[in-house]
Amino acid sequence: MDASPLHWVAVWTRARHEKFVRDQLAEKEVEVFLPLVTVPSQRKDRRQSIELPVFPGYLFARIELSDGYAIKTTRGVVQILGSVPGVYTPVPDEQIVYVRTMVESQLAVDPHPYLKVGNVVRVRKGPLQGIEGILIEKRNHWRIVVSVDLLGKSIAAEVSADEIEAV
């Protein structure tokens, strides 16, 4: 009997429950990816760094598309995203790999508005080598934007002009 292939799906969580849901799903032995970025935080008496989700209100889980029960019954989960209620839309593995690479690259990354138009480029060298995304300019610096289509959200990182090529 063949096991059904696993697919990444986007899970919508209650506000500020991403880490809680991640931990609950991990206890259920569901593979989860919650991209986090470290940002400085100013408290009344001290400065510290905190980890915030790159895509607030969302995380990714790897499941069989026919069985989302473990996720739907988890406290803090609103729903699994899909184009039709009850039918889950998989997030392409490539987009998960790209987001994971950007978050783990130790480069400064930040959430970016989702872009539908722009020049598609590929990074030729450096820690983001092989990633394809949309090239934008922000404050006289080049940035590559990688989008997760299902969420309608994006993440951006700074790149040098000599590291990229048109696709």
C-alpha atoms as a PDB file:
ATOM      1  CA  MET A   1       0.000   0.000   0.000  1.00  0.00           C
ATOM      2  CA  ASP A   2       1.581   3.310  -1.118  1.00  0.00           C
ATOM      3  CA  ALA A   3       1.529   6.233   1.278  1.00  0.00           C
ATOM      4  CA  SER A   4       0.008   9.418  -0.084  1.00  0.00           C
ATOM      5  CA  PRO A   5       2.591  12.089  -0.834  1.00  0.00           C
ATOM      6  CA  LEU A   6       2.977  14.877   1.686  1.00  0.00           C
ATOM      7  CA  HIS A   7       2.390  18.472   0.615  1.00  0.00           C
ATOM      8  CA  TRP A   8       3.028  21.794   2.310  1.00  0.00           C
ATOM      9  CA  VAL A   9      -0.134  23.713   3.185  1.00  0.00           C
ATOM     10  CA  ALA A  10      -0.581  27.170   4.667  1.00  0.00           C
ATOM     11  CA  VAL A  11      -2.255  27.215   8.077  1.00  0.00           C
ATOM     12  CA  TRP A  12      -4.053  30.354   9.224  1.00  0.00           C
ATOM     13  CA  THR A  13      -3.744  30.839  12.987  1.00  0.00           C
ATOM     14  CA  ARG A  14      -5.357  33.118  15.517  1.00  0.00           C
ATOM     15  CA  ALA A  15      -3.507  36.404  15.987  1.00  0.00           C
ATOM     16  CA  ARG A  16      -0.157  35.905  17.751  1.00  0.00           C
ATOM     17  CA  HIS A  17      -0.694  32.126  18.109  1.00  0.00           C
ATOM     18  CA  GLU A  18       1.827  31.014  15.471  1.00  0.00           C
ATOM     19  CA  LYS A  19       4.427  29.661  17.937  1.00  0.00           C
ATOM     20  CA  PHE A  20       1.754  28.029  20.100  1.00  0.00           C
ATOM     21  CA  VAL A  21       0.242  26.254  17.075  1.00  0.00           C
ATOM     22  CA  ARG A  22       3.724  25.242  15.870  1.00  0.00           C
ATOM     23  CA  ASP A  23       4.442  23.612  19.222  1.00  0.00           C
ATOM     24  CA  GLN A  24       1.045  21.879  19.339  1.00  0.00           C
ATOM     25  CA  LEU A  25       1.481  20.453  15.832  1.00  0.00           C
ATOM     26  CA  ALA A  26       5.023  19.300  16.639  1.00  0.00           C
ATOM     27  CA  GLU A  27       3.590  17.342  19.587  1.00  0.00           C
ATOM     28  CA  LYS A  28       1.209  15.676  17.099  1.00  0.00           C
ATOM     29  CA  GLU A  29       4.290  14.789  15.001  1.00  0.00           C
ATOM     30  CA  VAL A  30       3.257  17.041  12.109  1.00  0.00           C
ATOM     31  CA  GLU A  31       6.163  18.586  10.180  1.00  0.00           C
ATOM     32  CA  VAL A  32       5.871  22.348  10.614  1.00  0.00           C
ATOM     33  CA  PHE A  33       7.747  25.348   9.225  1.00  0.00           C
ATOM     34  CA  LEU A  34       7.308  28.715  10.929  1.00  0.00           C
ATOM     35  CA  PRO A  35       9.662  31.260   9.331  1.00  0.00           C
ATOM     36  CA  LEU A  36      10.868  33.693  11.994  1.00  0.00           C
ATOM     37  CA  VAL A  37      12.948  36.867  11.813  1.00  0.00           C
ATOM     38  CA  THR A  38      14.832  38.450  14.725  1.00  0.00           C
ATOM     39  CA  VAL A  39      14.056  42.129  15.243  1.00  0.00           C
ATOM     40  CA  PRO A  40      15.206  44.638  17.883  1.00  0.00           C
ATOM     41  CA  SER A  41      12.628  45.527  20.520  1.00  0.00           C
ATOM     42  CA  GLN A  42      12.686  48.514  22.846  1.00  0.00           C
ATOM     43  CA  ARG A  43      11.176  47.936  26.283  1.00  0.00           C
ATOM     44  CA  LYS A  44      10.818  50.605  28.931  1.00  0.00           C
ATOM     45  CA  ASP A  45      14.105  49.759  30.611  1.00  0.00           C
ATOM     46  CA  ARG A  46      16.048  47.673  28.074  1.00  0.00           C
ATOM     47  CA  ARG A  47      16.649  46.766  24.459  1.00  0.00           C
ATOM     48  CA  GLN A  48      16.347  43.162  23.380  1.00  0.00           C
ATOM     49  CA  SER A  49      15.831  41.059  20.285  1.00  0.00           C
ATOM     50  CA  ILE A  50      12.640  39.124  19.680  1.00  0.00           C
ATOM     51  CA  GLU A  51      11.640  36.580  17.052  1.00  0.00           C
ATOM     52  CA  LEU A  52       8.558  37.449  15.021  1.00  0.00           C
ATOM     53  CA  PRO A  53       6.850  35.449  12.274  1.00  0.00           C
ATOM     54  CA  VAL A  54       7.773  36.549   8.757  1.00  0.00           C
ATOM     55  CA  PHE A  55       4.137  35.955   7.769  1.00  0.00           C
ATOM     56  CA  PRO A  56       2.061  37.006  10.809  1.00  0.00           C
ATOM     57  CA  GLY A  57      -0.921  34.729  11.338  1.00  0.00           C
ATOM     58  CA  TYR A  58       0.429  31.899   9.168  1.00  0.00           C
ATOM     59  CA  LEU A  59       2.677  28.865   9.303  1.00  0.00           C
ATOM     60  CA  PHE A  60       3.242  25.884   7.029  1.00  0.00           C
ATOM     61  CA  ALA A  61       2.540  22.220   7.714  1.00  0.00           C
ATOM     62  CA  ARG A  62       3.379  19.151   5.630  1.00  0.00           C
ATOM     63  CA  ILE A  63       0.407  16.781   5.381  1.00  0.00           C
ATOM     64  CA  GLU A  64      -1.499  14.447   3.110  1.00  0.00           C
ATOM     65  CA  LEU A  65      -4.030  16.652   1.307  1.00  0.00           C
ATOM     66  CA  SER A  66      -6.796  14.171   2.101  1.00  0.00           C
ATOM     67  CA  ASP A  67      -6.231  14.412   5.860  1.00  0.00           C
ATOM     68  CA  GLY A  68      -6.031  17.732   7.663  1.00  0.00           C
ATOM     69  CA  TYR A  69      -7.751  16.495  10.834  1.00  0.00           C
ATOM     70  CA  ALA A  70      -4.658  16.816  13.064  1.00  0.00           C
ATOM     71  CA  ILE A  71      -4.306  20.451  12.047  1.00  0.00           C
ATOM     72  CA  LYS A  72      -7.979  21.465  12.045  1.00  0.00           C
ATOM     73  CA  THR A  73      -8.432  20.137  15.600  1.00  0.00           C
ATOM     74  CA  THR A  74      -5.443  22.062  16.997  1.00  0.00           C
ATOM     75  CA  ARG A  75      -6.191  24.958  19.353  1.00  0.00           C
ATOM     76  CA  GLY A  76      -5.344  28.283  17.743  1.00  0.00           C
ATOM     77  CA  VAL A  77      -5.889  27.135  14.138  1.00  0.00           C
ATOM     78  CA  VAL A  78      -8.467  29.095  12.162  1.00  0.00           C
ATOM     79  CA  GLN A  79      -8.266  27.024   8.973  1.00  0.00           C
ATOM     80  CA  ILE A  80      -6.062  25.436   6.348  1.00  0.00           C
ATOM     81  CA  LEU A  81      -5.997  27.674   3.280  1.00  0.00           C
ATOM     82  CA  GLY A  82      -7.524  26.455   0.068  1.00  0.00           C
ATOM     83  CA  SER A  83      -9.283  27.761  -3.007  1.00  0.00           C
ATOM     84  CA  VAL A  84     -12.494  25.925  -2.042  1.00  0.00           C
ATOM     85  CA  PRO A  85     -13.657  25.257   1.535  1.00  0.00           C
ATOM     86  CA  GLY A  86     -12.505  21.786   2.582  1.00  0.00           C
ATOM     87  CA  VAL A  87     -10.058  21.470  -0.336  1.00  0.00           C
ATOM     88  CA  TYR A  88      -6.511  22.372   0.664  1.00  0.00           C
ATOM     89  CA  THR A  89      -4.263  24.130  -1.818  1.00  0.00           C
ATOM     90  CA  PRO A  90      -0.641  22.952  -1.608  1.00  0.00           C
ATOM     91  CA  VAL A  91       2.171  25.501  -1.390  1.00  0.00           C
ATOM     92  CA  PRO A  92       4.874  24.581  -3.937  1.00  0.00           C
ATOM     93  CA  ASP A  93       7.908  22.946  -2.283  1.00  0.00           C
ATOM     94  CA  GLU A  94      10.133  25.391  -4.169  1.00  0.00           C
ATOM     95  CA  GLN A  95       8.540  28.394  -2.409  1.00  0.00           C
ATOM     96  CA  ILE A  96       9.064  26.771   1.009  1.00  0.00           C
ATOM     97  CA  VAL A  97      12.722  26.045   0.167  1.00  0.00           C
ATOM     98  CA  TYR A  98      13.249  29.637  -0.996  1.00  0.00           C
ATOM     99  CA  VAL A  99      11.696  31.156   2.139  1.00  0.00           C
ATOM    100  CA  ARG A 100      13.652  28.739   4.386  1.00  0.00           C
ATOM    101  CA  THR A 101      16.922  29.623   2.592  1.00  0.00           C
ATOM    102  CA  MET A 102      16.312  33.348   2.984  1.00  0.00           C
ATOM    103  CA  VAL A 103      15.425  33.092   6.675  1.00  0.00           C
ATOM    104  CA  GLU A 104      18.421  30.847   7.456  1.00  0.00           C
ATOM    105  CA  SER A 105      20.890  32.943   5.395  1.00  0.00           C
ATOM    106  CA  GLN A 106      21.698  35.328   8.285  1.00  0.00           C
ATOM    107  CA  LEU A 107      21.031  38.234   5.901  1.00  0.00           C
ATOM    108  CA  ALA A 108      18.661  40.997   6.932  1.00  0.00           C
ATOM    109  CA  VAL A 109      15.231  39.947   5.691  1.00  0.00           C
ATOM    110  CA  ASP A 110      11.904  41.589   6.288  1.00  0.00           C
ATOM    111  CA  PRO A 111       8.299  41.053   5.230  1.00  0.00           C
ATOM    112  CA  HIS A 112       7.494  42.715   1.951  1.00  0.00           C
ATOM    113  CA  PRO A 113       4.231  43.539   0.200  1.00  0.00           C
ATOM    114  CA  TYR A 114       3.213  40.796  -2.225  1.00  0.00           C
ATOM    115  CA  LEU A 115       4.218  41.628  -5.802  1.00  0.00           C
ATOM    116  CA  LYS A 116       2.596  40.233  -8.913  1.00  0.00           C
ATOM    117  CA  VAL A 117       4.628  42.176 -11.472  1.00  0.00           C
ATOM    118  CA  GLY A 118       8.338  42.910 -11.847  1.00  0.00           C
ATOM    119  CA  ASN A 119      11.446  41.372 -13.272  1.00  0.00           C
ATOM    120  CA  VAL A 120      12.088  37.786 -12.258  1.00  0.00           C
ATOM    121  CA  VAL A 121      15.736  37.229 -11.362  1.00  0.00           C
ATOM    122  CA  ARG A 122      17.941  34.394 -10.121  1.00  0.00           C
ATOM    123  CA  VAL A 123      20.731  34.805  -7.575  1.00  0.00           C
ATOM    124  CA  ARG A 124      23.985  33.532  -9.154  1.00  0.00           C
ATOM    125  CA  LYS A 125      26.252  33.545  -6.101  1.00  0.00           C
ATOM    126  CA  GLY A 126      26.317  34.164  -2.379  1.00  0.00           C
ATOM    127  CA  PRO A 127      24.212  32.650   0.414  1.00  0.00           C
ATOM    128  CA  LEU A 128      20.999  32.947  -1.652  1.00  0.00           C
ATOM    129  CA  GLN A 129      22.448  31.229  -4.742  1.00  0.00           C
ATOM    130  CA  GLY A 130      19.766  29.564  -6.874  1.00  0.00           C
ATOM    131  CA  ILE A 131      16.815  31.487  -5.480  1.00  0.00           C
ATOM    132  CA  GLU A 132      14.484  33.049  -8.031  1.00  0.00           C
ATOM    133  CA  GLY A 133      12.407  36.060  -7.137  1.00  0.00           C
ATOM    134  CA  ILE A 134      11.264  39.502  -8.162  1.00  0.00           C
ATOM    135  CA  LEU A 135      13.816  42.292  -8.238  1.00  0.00           C
ATOM    136  CA  ILE A 136      12.898  45.616  -6.659  1.00  0.00           C
ATOM    137  CA  GLU A 137      14.764  48.705  -5.573  1.00  0.00           C
ATOM    138  CA  LYS A 138      14.439  50.039  -2.028  1.00  0.00           C
ATOM    139  CA  ARG A 139      16.399  53.054  -0.834  1.00  0.00           C
ATOM    140  CA  ASN A 140      18.973  52.724  -3.636  1.00  0.00           C
ATOM    141  CA  HIS A 141      19.626  49.041  -2.825  1.00  0.00           C
ATOM    142  CA  TRP A 142      18.585  46.017  -4.835  1.00  0.00           C
ATOM    143  CA  ARG A 143      16.347  43.506  -3.079  1.00  0.00           C
ATOM    144  CA  ILE A 144      15.018  40.128  -4.163  1.00  0.00           C
ATOM    145  CA  VAL A 145      11.457  39.325  -3.191  1.00  0.00           C
ATOM    146  CA  VAL A 146      10.226  35.738  -2.826  1.00  0.00           C
ATOM    147  CA  SER A 147       6.459  35.295  -2.696  1.00  0.00           C
ATOM    148  CA  VAL A 148       4.208  32.614  -1.266  1.00  0.00           C
ATOM    149  CA  ASP A 149       1.319  32.822  -3.717  1.00  0.00           C
ATOM    150  CA  LEU A 150      -1.303  31.130  -1.553  1.00  0.00           C
ATOM    151  CA  LEU A 151      -0.780  33.591   1.320  1.00  0.00           C
ATOM    152  CA  GLY A 152      -0.454  36.641  -0.901  1.00  0.00           C
ATOM    153  CA  LYS A 153       2.612  37.563   1.141  1.00  0.00           C
ATOM    154  CA  SER A 154       6.308  38.007   0.401  1.00  0.00           C
ATOM    155  CA  ILE A 155       9.730  38.229   2.030  1.00  0.00           C
ATOM    156  CA  ALA A 156      12.620  40.415   0.818  1.00  0.00           C
ATOM    157  CA  ALA A 157      16.421  40.350   1.210  1.00  0.00           C
ATOM    158  CA  GLU A 158      19.134  42.697  -0.024  1.00  0.00           C
ATOM    159  CA  VAL A 159      21.387  41.487  -2.859  1.00  0.00           C
ATOM    160  CA  SER A 160      24.216  43.003  -4.873  1.00  0.00           C
ATOM    161  CA  ALA A 161      23.629  43.722  -8.540  1.00  0.00           C
ATOM    162  CA  ASP A 162      26.552  41.458  -9.481  1.00  0.00           C
ATOM    163  CA  GLU A 163      24.929  38.488  -7.701  1.00  0.00           C
ATOM    164  CA  ILE A 164      21.806  38.357  -9.863  1.00  0.00           C
ATOM    165  CA  GLU A 165      20.863  37.508 -13.422  1.00  0.00           C
ATOM    166  CA  ALA A 166      17.659  37.763 -15.424  1.00  0.00           C
ATOM    167  CA  VAL A 167      15.630  34.591 -15.816  1.00  0.00           C
END
